[in-house]
Structure formats: structure tokens, C-alpha cells
C-alpha atoms as a PDB file:
ATOM      1  CA  MET A   1     -49.465   2.539  27.334  1.00  0.00           C
ATOM      2  CA  GLU A   2     -52.492   2.281  30.054  1.00  0.00           C
ATOM      3  CA  GLU A   3     -55.212   0.580  28.838  1.00  0.00           C
ATOM      4  CA  THR A   4     -58.101   3.736  29.180  1.00  0.00           C
ATOM      5  CA  GLU A   5     -55.777   5.698  26.681  1.00  0.00           C
ATOM      6  CA  LYS A   6     -54.602   2.777  24.309  1.00  0.00           C
ATOM      7  CA  TYR A   7     -59.072   2.832  23.079  1.00  0.00           C
ATOM      8  CA  VAL A   8     -59.146   6.707  23.735  1.00  0.00           C
ATOM      9  CA  LYS A   9     -58.986   7.181  19.707  1.00  0.00           C
ATOM     10  CA  ILE A  10     -61.564   4.884  18.917  1.00  0.00           C
ATOM     11  CA  LEU A  11     -64.281   6.449  21.273  1.00  0.00           C
ATOM     12  CA  SER A  12     -66.842   8.641  19.527  1.00  0.00           C
ATOM     13  CA  VAL A  13     -66.810  12.330  20.245  1.00  0.00           C
ATOM     14  CA  GLN A  14     -69.886  14.650  21.242  1.00  0.00           C
ATOM     15  CA  PRO A  15     -68.544  18.868  20.697  1.00  0.00           C
ATOM     16  CA  PHE A  16     -72.397  19.695  22.112  1.00  0.00           C
ATOM     17  CA  TRP A  17     -72.927  17.848  25.331  1.00  0.00           C
ATOM     18  CA  GLU A  18     -73.096  20.444  27.601  1.00  0.00           C
ATOM     19  CA  ALA A  19     -71.668  18.446  30.602  1.00  0.00           C
ATOM     20  CA  GLU A  20     -68.835  17.941  32.183  1.00  0.00           C
ATOM     21  CA  LYS A  21     -66.907  14.010  32.112  1.00  0.00           C
ATOM     22  CA  LYS A  22     -64.893  12.798  35.015  1.00  0.00           C
ATOM     23  CA  HIS A  23     -63.011  10.000  35.668  1.00  0.00           C
ATOM     24  CA  ARG A  24     -63.399   7.310  32.707  1.00  0.00           C
ATOM     25  CA  SER A  25     -62.760   3.429  33.254  1.00  0.00           C
ATOM     26  CA  ILE A  26     -62.474   0.900  29.744  1.00  0.00           C
ATOM     27  CA  LEU A  27     -64.059  -2.507  30.901  1.00  0.00           C
ATOM     28  CA  MET A  28     -61.608  -5.421  29.430  1.00  0.00           C
ATOM     29  CA  ASP A  29     -62.870  -9.008  29.818  1.00  0.00           C
ATOM     30  CA  PRO A  30     -60.288 -11.715  30.037  1.00  0.00           C
ATOM     31  CA  ASP A  31     -61.837 -14.289  27.509  1.00  0.00           C
ATOM     32  CA  LEU A  32     -62.390 -11.681  24.896  1.00  0.00           C
ATOM     33  CA  GLY A  33     -58.745 -10.382  25.462  1.00  0.00           C
ATOM     34  CA  GLY A  34     -60.004  -6.663  24.472  1.00  0.00           C
ATOM     35  CA  PRO A  35     -62.668  -4.396  25.603  1.00  0.00           C
ATOM     36  CA  VAL A  36     -66.090  -3.996  26.932  1.00  0.00           C
ATOM     37  CA  ALA A  37     -67.226  -0.940  27.350  1.00  0.00           C
ATOM     38  CA  VAL A  38     -66.076   2.577  28.374  1.00  0.00           C
ATOM     39  CA  ALA A  39     -67.509   4.154  31.728  1.00  0.00           C
ATOM     40  CA  TYR A  40     -66.895   7.716  32.322  1.00  0.00           C
ATOM     41  CA  GLU A  41     -69.212  10.012  35.171  1.00  0.00           C
ATOM     42  CA  LEU A  42     -71.467  12.766  33.162  1.00  0.00           C
ATOM     43  CA  ALA A  43     -72.336  15.623  34.876  1.00  0.00           C
ATOM     44  CA  ALA A  44     -74.961  18.344  33.474  1.00  0.00           C
ATOM     45  CA  GLY A  45     -76.235  21.766  34.675  1.00  0.00           C
ATOM     46  CA  PRO A  46     -79.967  21.524  36.300  1.00  0.00           C
ATOM     47  CA  ASP A  47     -81.499  23.908  33.137  1.00  0.00           C
ATOM     48  CA  ILE A  48     -80.222  21.146  30.727  1.00  0.00           C
ATOM     49  CA  ASP A  49     -82.745  18.831  29.874  1.00  0.00           C
ATOM     50  CA  GLY A  50     -81.006  16.869  27.397  1.00  0.00           C
ATOM     51  CA  LEU A  51     -77.845  16.258  25.443  1.00  0.00           C
ATOM     52  CA  THR A  52     -77.069  17.504  21.991  1.00  0.00           C
ATOM     53  CA  SER A  53     -75.467  14.186  20.145  1.00  0.00           C
ATOM     54  CA  VAL A  54     -74.474  13.152  16.656  1.00  0.00           C
ATOM     55  CA  PRO A  55     -73.902  10.093  15.623  1.00  0.00           C
ATOM     56  CA  GLY A  56     -70.573   7.998  16.574  1.00  0.00           C
ATOM     57  CA  ILE A  57     -68.993   5.154  15.852  1.00  0.00           C
ATOM     58  CA  GLY A  58     -71.334   2.213  17.415  1.00  0.00           C
ATOM     59  CA  LEU A  59     -70.381   2.414  20.881  1.00  0.00           C
ATOM     60  CA  LEU A  60     -74.213   1.800  22.453  1.00  0.00           C
ATOM     61  CA  GLY A  61     -74.738   3.100  25.937  1.00  0.00           C
ATOM     62  CA  ILE A  62     -76.701   3.040  29.325  1.00  0.00           C
ATOM     63  CA  MET A  63     -77.011   5.748  31.566  1.00  0.00           C
ATOM     64  CA  PHE A  64     -77.350   4.707  35.025  1.00  0.00           C
ATOM     65  CA  SER A  65     -78.457   8.066  37.377  1.00  0.00           C
ATOM     66  CA  LEU A  66     -75.883   9.277  40.272  1.00  0.00           C
ATOM     67  CA  GLU A  67     -79.487  10.829  42.362  1.00  0.00           C
ATOM     68  CA  LYS A  68     -80.184   8.623  45.422  1.00  0.00           C
ATOM     69  CA  ASP A  69     -83.761   9.786  44.754  1.00  0.00           C
ATOM     70  CA  LYS A  70     -84.191   9.169  41.317  1.00  0.00           C
ATOM     71  CA  PRO A  71     -83.011   5.346  40.774  1.00  0.00           C
ATOM     72  CA  GLN A  72     -83.335   4.381  36.845  1.00  0.00           C
ATOM     73  CA  ALA A  73     -80.871   2.963  34.386  1.00  0.00           C
ATOM     74  CA  ILE A  74     -81.622   3.862  30.152  1.00  0.00           C
ATOM     75  CA  ILE A  75     -80.330   2.380  27.098  1.00  0.00           C
ATOM     76  CA  CYS A  76     -79.138   4.961  24.435  1.00  0.00           C
ATOM     77  CA  GLY A  77     -79.293   2.859  21.548  1.00  0.00           C
ATOM     78  CA  LEU A  78     -77.187   4.144  18.238  1.00  0.00           C
ATOM     79  CA  LEU A  79     -78.041   7.405  16.284  1.00  0.00           C
ATOM     80  CA  ASN A  80     -78.733   7.511  12.252  1.00  0.00           C
ATOM     81  CA  LYS A  81     -78.804  11.327  12.313  1.00  0.00           C
ATOM     82  CA  SER A  82     -78.035  13.765  14.979  1.00  0.00           C
ATOM     83  CA  LYS A  83     -80.945  14.804  17.417  1.00  0.00           C
ATOM     84  CA  LYS A  84     -81.015  15.789  21.505  1.00  0.00           C
ATOM     85  CA  VAL A  85     -80.576  12.608  23.478  1.00  0.00           C
ATOM     86  CA  PRO A  86     -82.941  13.170  26.568  1.00  0.00           C
ATOM     87  CA  LEU A  87     -82.058  13.218  30.534  1.00  0.00           C
ATOM     88  CA  TYR A  88     -85.348  12.094  31.866  1.00  0.00           C
ATOM     89  CA  GLY A  89     -84.668  14.360  34.808  1.00  0.00           C
ATOM     90  CA  VAL A  90     -81.312  13.114  35.886  1.00  0.00           C
ATOM     91  CA  HIS A  91     -77.898  15.583  36.116  1.00  0.00           C
ATOM     92  CA  HIS A  92     -75.810  13.178  37.250  1.00  0.00           C
ATOM     93  CA  THR A  93     -75.498   9.788  35.864  1.00  0.00           C
ATOM     94  CA  LEU A  94     -72.736   7.159  35.473  1.00  0.00           C
ATOM     95  CA  CYS A  95     -72.523   6.063  31.120  1.00  0.00           C
ATOM     96  CA  CYS A  96     -71.773   2.765  30.349  1.00  0.00           C
ATOM     97  CA  GLN A  97     -70.954   2.778  26.735  1.00  0.00           C
ATOM     98  CA  PHE A  98     -70.499  -0.364  24.628  1.00  0.00           C
ATOM     99  CA  PHE A  99     -67.664  -1.541  21.746  1.00  0.00           C
ATOM    100  CA  PRO A 100     -69.166  -2.526  18.943  1.00  0.00           C
ATOM    101  CA  GLY A 101     -71.111  -5.703  19.065  1.00  0.00           C
ATOM    102  CA  GLN A 102     -70.161  -6.088  22.440  1.00  0.00           C
ATOM    103  CA  PHE A 103     -73.884  -5.126  24.259  1.00  0.00           C
ATOM    104  CA  THR A 104     -75.551  -7.768  21.529  1.00  0.00           C
ATOM    105  CA  ARG A 105     -72.695 -10.548  23.008  1.00  0.00           C
ATOM    106  CA  LEU A 106     -73.828  -9.911  26.557  1.00  0.00           C
ATOM    107  CA  PHE A 107     -77.004  -9.015  26.727  1.00  0.00           C
ATOM    108  CA  GLY A 108     -78.236 -11.040  23.932  1.00  0.00           C
ATOM    109  CA  ILE A 109     -80.474  -8.105  22.595  1.00  0.00           C
ATOM    110  CA  PRO A 110     -80.267  -7.177  18.935  1.00  0.00           C
ATOM    111  CA  SER A 111     -78.515  -4.034  18.776  1.00  0.00           C
ATOM    112  CA  HIS A 112     -80.792  -2.878  15.733  1.00  0.00           C
ATOM    113  CA  GLU A 113     -83.846  -3.032  18.395  1.00  0.00           C
ATOM    114  CA  VAL A 114     -82.709   0.120  20.597  1.00  0.00           C
ATOM    115  CA  THR A 115     -81.436   1.949  17.610  1.00  0.00           C
ATOM    116  CA  ASP A 116     -82.248   5.530  18.080  1.00  0.00           C
ATOM    117  CA  VAL A 117     -83.958   4.806  21.330  1.00  0.00           C
ATOM    118  CA  GLU A 118     -84.000   5.814  24.809  1.00  0.00           C
ATOM    119  CA  ALA A 119     -86.206   4.041  27.159  1.00  0.00           C
ATOM    120  CA  PRO A 120     -85.716   2.152  30.726  1.00  0.00           C
ATOM    121  CA  LEU A 121     -83.149  -0.757  30.215  1.00  0.00           C
ATOM    122  CA  GLU A 122     -86.332  -2.912  32.569  1.00  0.00           C
ATOM    123  CA  ASP A 123     -88.259  -2.792  29.463  1.00  0.00           C
ATOM    124  CA  PHE A 124     -85.966  -5.065  27.478  1.00  0.00           C
ATOM    125  CA  ILE A 125     -83.760  -6.904  30.363  1.00  0.00           C
ATOM    126  CA  ARG A 126     -84.017  -7.704  34.106  1.00  0.00           C
ATOM    127  CA  VAL A 127     -82.306  -5.154  35.979  1.00  0.00           C
ATOM    128  CA  GLY A 128     -83.141  -6.103  39.168  1.00  0.00           C
ATOM    129  CA  SER A 129     -81.894  -3.854  42.472  1.00  0.00           C
ATOM    130  CA  VAL A 130     -78.648  -2.369  40.225  1.00  0.00           C
ATOM    131  CA  PRO A 131     -80.541   1.391  39.770  1.00  0.00           C
ATOM    132  CA  GLU A 132     -80.736   1.763  43.352  1.00  0.00           C
ATOM    133  CA  GLU A 133     -77.797   0.174  44.048  1.00  0.00           C
ATOM    134  CA  ILE A 134     -75.449   2.810  41.661  1.00  0.00           C
ATOM    135  CA  ALA A 135     -77.430   5.620  42.727  1.00  0.00           C
ATOM    136  CA  LEU A 136     -76.848   4.830  45.967  1.00  0.00           C
ATOM    137  CA  ALA A 137     -73.579   4.096  46.174  1.00  0.00           C
ATOM    138  CA  GLU A 138     -70.510   6.316  47.179  1.00  0.00           C
ATOM    139  CA  GLY A 139     -67.580   6.700  44.728  1.00  0.00           C
ATOM    140  CA  PHE A 140     -66.724   6.220  41.640  1.00  0.00           C
ATOM    141  CA  ASP A 141     -64.802   2.872  41.821  1.00  0.00           C
ATOM    142  CA  ASN A 142     -67.408   1.606  43.830  1.00  0.00           C
ATOM    143  CA  GLN A 143     -70.074   2.422  41.512  1.00  0.00           C
ATOM    144  CA  MET A 144     -67.961   0.748  38.423  1.00  0.00           C
ATOM    145  CA  GLU A 145     -68.171  -2.552  40.747  1.00  0.00           C
ATOM    146  CA  ILE A 146     -71.340  -2.713  40.533  1.00  0.00           C
ATOM    147  CA  VAL A 147     -71.643  -2.391  36.942  1.00  0.00           C
ATOM    148  CA  LYS A 148     -68.662  -4.942  36.540  1.00  0.00           C
ATOM    149  CA  ARG A 149     -70.930  -7.555  38.416  1.00  0.00           C
ATOM    150  CA  PHE A 150     -73.897  -6.686  36.493  1.00  0.00           C
ATOM    151  CA  ILE A 151     -72.127  -7.514  33.341  1.00  0.00           C
ATOM    152  CA  GLY A 152     -70.363 -10.259  34.690  1.00  0.00           C
ATOM    153  CA  GLU A 153     -73.575 -12.082  35.923  1.00  0.00           C
ATOM    154  CA  TRP A 154     -74.922 -11.697  32.556  1.00  0.00           C
ATOM    155  CA  LYS A 155     -71.675 -12.539  30.499  1.00  0.00           C
ATOM    156  CA  ASN A 156     -72.100 -16.271  32.789  1.00  0.00           C
ATOM    157  CA  ARG A 157     -75.481 -17.146  31.650  1.00  0.00           C
ATOM    158  CA  LYS A 158     -74.667 -17.478  27.970  1.00  0.00           C
ATOM    159  CA  LEU A 159     -71.791 -15.616  25.104  1.00  0.00           C
ATOM    160  CA  ARG A 160     -73.490 -14.995  22.529  1.00  0.00           C
ATOM    161  CA  ASP A 161     -71.041 -15.577  19.912  1.00  0.00           C
ATOM    162  CA  THR A 162     -73.062 -15.708  16.648  1.00  0.00           C
ATOM    163  CA  SER A 163     -70.110 -13.946  14.582  1.00  0.00           C
ATOM    164  CA  ASP A 164     -68.897 -11.282  17.445  1.00  0.00           C
ATOM    165  CA  GLY A 165     -64.813 -11.733  15.596  1.00  0.00           C
ATOM    166  CA  LEU A 166     -66.850 -10.873  12.294  1.00  0.00           C
ATOM    167  CA  VAL A 167     -68.371  -7.769  13.697  1.00  0.00           C
ATOM    168  CA  GLN A 168     -64.732  -7.284  15.345  1.00  0.00           C
ATOM    169  CA  TYR A 169     -62.423  -7.575  12.682  1.00  0.00           C
ATOM    170  CA  LEU A 170     -65.079  -5.258  10.435  1.00  0.00           C
ATOM    171  CA  MET A 171     -65.311  -2.379  12.804  1.00  0.00           C
ATOM    172  CA  LYS A 172     -61.500  -2.484  13.530  1.00  0.00           C
ATOM    173  CA  ASP A 173     -60.849  -2.511   9.760  1.00  0.00           C
ATOM    174  CA  ALA A 174     -63.189   0.599   9.045  1.00  0.00           C
ATOM    175  CA  LEU A 175     -62.012   2.544  11.891  1.00  0.00           C
ATOM    176  CA  GLN A 176     -58.404   1.693  10.420  1.00  0.00           C
ATOM    177  CA  ARG A 177     -59.329   3.062   7.178  1.00  0.00           C
ATOM    178  CA  HIS A 178     -61.042   6.079   8.361  1.00  0.00           C
ATOM    179  CA  GLY A 179     -64.444   4.245   7.087  1.00  0.00           C
ATOM    180  CA  SER A 180     -63.324   4.883   3.800  1.00  0.00           C
ATOM    181  CA  LEU A 181     -64.318   1.288   2.752  1.00  0.00           C
ATOM    182  CA  GLN A 182     -66.523   0.455   0.569  1.00  0.00           C
ATOM    183  CA  ILE A 183     -68.894  -2.697   0.925  1.00  0.00           C
ATOM    184  CA  ALA A 184     -67.763  -4.906  -2.283  1.00  0.00           C
ATOM    185  CA  GLN A 185     -64.367  -4.539  -0.276  1.00  0.00           C
ATOM    186  CA  MET A 186     -65.622  -5.894   2.919  1.00  0.00           C
ATOM    187  CA  GLU A 187     -67.339  -8.823   0.737  1.00  0.00           C
ATOM    188  CA  LYS A 188     -64.157  -9.912  -0.665  1.00  0.00           C
ATOM    189  CA  GLU A 189     -62.037  -9.382   2.197  1.00  0.00           C
ATOM    190  CA  THR A 190     -64.514 -11.511   4.136  1.00  0.00           C
ATOM    191  CA  GLY A 191     -66.248 -14.157   1.962  1.00  0.00           C
ATOM    192  CA  TYR A 192     -69.137 -13.038   2.941  1.00  0.00           C
ATOM    193  CA  SER A 193     -71.937 -11.843   1.025  1.00  0.00           C
ATOM    194  CA  ALA A 194     -73.287  -8.435   1.240  1.00  0.00           C
ATOM    195  CA  ARG A 195     -76.519  -9.570   2.420  1.00  0.00           C
ATOM    196  CA  TYR A 196     -75.236 -11.449   5.454  1.00  0.00           C
ATOM    197  CA  LEU A 197     -73.183  -8.507   6.393  1.00  0.00           C
ATOM    198  CA  GLN A 198     -75.793  -6.033   6.453  1.00  0.00           C
ATOM    199  CA  LYS A 199     -77.827  -8.796   8.847  1.00  0.00           C
ATOM    200  CA  VAL A 200     -74.437  -8.924  11.113  1.00  0.00           C
ATOM    201  CA  MET A 201     -74.368  -5.524  11.627  1.00  0.00           C
ATOM    202  CA  LEU A 202     -77.305  -4.669  11.914  1.00  0.00           C
ATOM    203  CA  GLU A 203     -78.077  -7.032  14.834  1.00  0.00           C
ATOM    204  CA  HIS A 204     -74.899  -6.488  16.831  1.00  0.00           C
ATOM    205  CA  VAL A 205     -74.044  -2.998  16.033  1.00  0.00           C
ATOM    206  CA  GLY A 206     -77.637  -1.773  15.239  1.00  0.00           C
ATOM    207  CA  LEU A 207     -76.616  -0.067  12.052  1.00  0.00           C
ATOM    208  CA  ALA A 208     -76.241  -1.176   8.329  1.00  0.00           C
ATOM    209  CA  PRO A 209     -72.667  -1.326   6.777  1.00  0.00           C
ATOM    210  CA  LYS A 210     -73.115   2.041   4.708  1.00  0.00           C
ATOM    211  CA  THR A 211     -74.593   3.728   7.497  1.00  0.00           C
ATOM    212  CA  ALA A 212     -71.851   2.644  10.075  1.00  0.00           C
ATOM    213  CA  LEU A 213     -69.306   3.767   7.582  1.00  0.00           C
ATOM    214  CA  ASN A 214     -70.447   6.802   7.364  1.00  0.00           C
ATOM    215  CA  ASN A 215     -70.518   7.843  11.049  1.00  0.00           C
ATOM    216  CA  ILE A 216     -66.995   6.322  11.323  1.00  0.00           C
ATOM    217  CA  ARG A 217     -65.722   8.484   8.330  1.00  0.00           C
ATOM    218  CA  PHE A 218     -67.425  11.967   9.760  1.00  0.00           C
ATOM    219  CA  GLN A 219     -66.207  11.216  13.124  1.00  0.00           C
ATOM    220  CA  SER A 220     -62.322  10.590  11.576  1.00  0.00           C
ATOM    221  CA  VAL A 221     -63.206  14.437  10.421  1.00  0.00           C
ATOM    222  CA  LEU A 222     -64.392  15.766  13.135  1.00  0.00           C
ATOM    223  CA  GLN A 223     -62.097  14.554  15.863  1.00  0.00           C
ATOM    224  CA  ARG A 224     -59.163  15.500  13.868  1.00  0.00           C
ATOM    225  CA  LEU A 225     -60.839  19.340  13.922  1.00  0.00           C
ATOM    226  CA  LEU A 226     -61.234  18.987  17.105  1.00  0.00           C
ATOM    227  CA  GLU A 227     -57.679  18.571  18.180  1.00  0.00           C
ATOM    228  CA  ASN A 228     -56.767  20.978  15.421  1.00  0.00           C
ATOM    229  CA  PRO A 229     -58.555  23.375  14.445  1.00  0.00           C
ATOM    230  CA  PHE A 230     -55.985  25.618  12.388  1.00  0.00           C
ATOM    231  CA  CYS A 231     -55.459  22.595   9.931  1.00  0.00           C
ATOM    232  CA  SER A 232     -56.560  22.645   6.353  1.00  0.00           C
ATOM    233  CA  LEU A 233     -60.182  21.714   5.726  1.00  0.00           C
ATOM    234  CA  ALA A 234     -59.568  20.186   2.160  1.00  0.00           C
ATOM    235  CA  GLU A 235     -56.608  18.269   3.118  1.00  0.00           C
ATOM    236  CA  THR A 236     -58.401  16.604   6.714  1.00  0.00           C
ATOM    237  CA  ALA A 237     -61.277  15.969   4.274  1.00  0.00           C
ATOM    238  CA  GLN A 238     -59.142  13.928   1.380  1.00  0.00           C
ATOM    239  CA  ALA A 239     -57.274  11.810   4.961  1.00  0.00           C
ATOM    240  CA  CYS A 240     -60.647  10.781   5.925  1.00  0.00           C
ATOM    241  CA  GLY A 241     -61.795   9.815   2.137  1.00  0.00           C
ATOM    242  CA  TYR A 242     -63.294  12.927   1.425  1.00  0.00           C
ATOM    243  CA  TYR A 243     -63.006  14.320  -2.317  1.00  0.00           C
ATOM    244  CA  ASP A 244     -65.818  16.004  -3.383  1.00  0.00           C
ATOM    245  CA  GLN A 245     -65.630  19.263  -1.135  1.00  0.00           C
ATOM    246  CA  SER A 246     -69.419  19.937  -2.331  1.00  0.00           C
ATOM    247  CA  TYR A 247     -70.140  16.732  -1.018  1.00  0.00           C
ATOM    248  CA  PHE A 248     -67.776  16.822   2.375  1.00  0.00           C
ATOM    249  CA  THR A 249     -69.955  20.451   3.163  1.00  0.00           C
ATOM    250  CA  LYS A 250     -73.447  18.937   2.271  1.00  0.00           C
ATOM    251  CA  VAL A 251     -72.110  16.194   4.805  1.00  0.00           C
ATOM    252  CA  PHE A 252     -70.581  17.673   7.653  1.00  0.00           C
ATOM    253  CA  LYS A 253     -73.721  19.852   7.659  1.00  0.00           C
ATOM    254  CA  ASP A 254     -76.398  17.037   7.892  1.00  0.00           C
ATOM    255  CA  TYR A 255     -74.542  15.703  10.636  1.00  0.00           C
ATOM    256  CA  MET A 256     -73.370  18.798  12.556  1.00  0.00           C
ATOM    257  CA  GLY A 257     -75.978  21.615  11.478  1.00  0.00           C
ATOM    258  CA  THR A 258     -73.767  24.225   9.753  1.00  0.00           C
ATOM    259  CA  THR A 259     -70.811  24.222   7.480  1.00  0.00           C
ATOM    260  CA  PRO A 260     -67.462  23.093   8.196  1.00  0.00           C
ATOM    261  CA  ALA A 261     -66.008  26.520   7.806  1.00  0.00           C
ATOM    262  CA  ALA A 262     -68.650  27.294  10.255  1.00  0.00           C
ATOM    263  CA  PHE A 263     -67.713  24.542  12.781  1.00  0.00           C
ATOM    264  CA  VAL A 264     -63.522  24.957  12.462  1.00  0.00           C
ATOM    265  CA  LYS A 265     -64.368  29.486  12.882  1.00  0.00           C
ATOM    266  CA  LYS A 266     -66.037  28.838  15.720  1.00  0.00           C
ATOM    267  CA  LEU A 267     -63.429  26.524  17.036  1.00  0.00           C
ATOM    268  CA  GLN A 268     -60.675  28.711  16.017  1.00  0.00           C
ATOM    269  CA  GLY A 269     -62.036  31.548  18.455  1.00  0.00           C
ATOM    270  CA  MET A 270     -62.515  29.041  21.612  1.00  0.00           C
ATOM    271  CA  VAL A 271     -59.074  28.373  21.135  1.00  0.00           C
ATOM    272  CA  ARG A 272     -57.497  32.409  20.777  1.00  0.00           C
ATOM    273  CA  LYS A 273     -59.649  32.920  24.094  1.00  0.00           C
ATOM    274  CA  GLY A 274     -58.288  30.016  25.850  1.00  0.00           C
ATOM    275  CA  GLU A 275     -61.256  28.290  26.178  1.00  0.00           C
ATOM    276  CA  THR A 276     -61.807  24.300  25.912  1.00  0.00           C
ATOM    277  CA  ILE A 277     -63.078  22.939  23.606  1.00  0.00           C
ATOM    278  CA  LYS A 278     -65.117  19.596  24.309  1.00  0.00           C
ATOM    279  CA  LYS A 279     -64.576  16.048  23.086  1.00  0.00           C
END
């Protein structure tokens, strides 16, 4: 199995993004023995001023402009709730999303400092001429080489270890269980107190454990519905740990702004018309 496909299942889905994703590349770290980030080209129409986004599973991102006259790098932190993420007048970008814990490990910035934040990357770290180089580079492969060099330069200064292994373990366990994991279970399995787990998750992921678990559980439901809009809503909800249907409907509406039944009906209509469902 190719590395790109191997990690696709743990990427967040954003069905409301009015933008086209092109290419996709997983950045691997030989020292880590796993993925650091996923990158792809994102193209939005000229009339799109932002991307309506739902909370994901912990992939903090940087958006590099690919417009030669508008070089910039914007950091986009994790979301606590659904919102429209502004594009700041740039409609063609290279989006680099870091796997949970990797942004803090590589750049030394606590992830909670950028939660629910969209701001110039320069506000947090020195980026030098990187935005200009990426905007002027021709072709996805050349742009990716600049991104890899940029990440490598920061990594080689000093890797920020500080509990990275614990974060990877917690996130992997939570993903495998579709977010159906209790804090008490995390304490028992790791031997660390809830207070310490809270501190580590906030610093390296940007979200408290409970919020991260809720987001993962919701993303699990969302992914299943997008893959099979004709599946049973009740069975899908239960498979992802939602055993109370009224609570599931409330949570889904809080995240998506619509009920699960209405959302599925829309997806089914798209399938019948032969339209592509965005993920």
C-alpha cells in the first residue's frame, strides 16, 4: 500500500469546502518512522472568501499562497467549533497539515497558542523568504521540496521531544476506537493523571482530551456517511459510540448546523444526480 493511501483514513474530512483539492503528498520523517504532515494544492473560486470548516481530528495547518503577487503563509489552528476560515484574498494555496503533535515537536510552538486562530506564520516563527519561494516555484513537486527544506531546517535545530510518544499513543488509540474512549481509560492505560494528560494534549494537539475525543468521534460518523450515504443512521451512530439518538442529533447539529437526517438526504440526492461528494 502506498504511503499516501495508508494515512488517508486518519485525515479529517471537510464536506463544505468550496475548493478543489489537487495532488496529495504525505511527508515522512525517517527519524520518527511515520508521517509528519499531509500536503495538497487547494484551488477556490474568485468569489470564495473563506472555507466553511468543521472540527477535525487534530491536523493543525499552514496555508502557503501559490499566487506570485500575493506570497504569504497563514497558520490555521484547530477548531473548537464550526466556522468559516478566511482565505485573506488568496484563492490558490498549498495546504500543509501536520499530524497530531508534529507541529509542536518540529517548531516548538505549543499548539494551544493557535487554537481557533488564523494568523501570519511570521507572528510565531521566522519564515524568511519561504512564502516568496513557494509562490514563485513552478509545479507541485518543486513547491514540496521547499516545504520539506523549511521543515527540515526547523527540525534540525532541535527536536522538541517532550511527551511526543505519549501524544502519538493517545491519538492512535482514540482513532482506533473512533473517539469512544474515556479519560479514566486513558489514565489507566498510560499511568498518567488526567491533569497531566490534559496538559500534554493541550500543548501538543491544541485541544483538551475530551474535546479531541468528541471531534474524532464526530469525524468517524461523518466519514462513514460520506462513504455510504445510504447506510443506517442509527447503526452508524452506535458504531461510533453514540448510543443516545437524541444526543447524537444534538451533537451533529452543533457541528454541522443541520440534522443528520437532513444531511444524509442531501448526500443521497447528490448521489442520485451523479454529483461528486466532497471529502
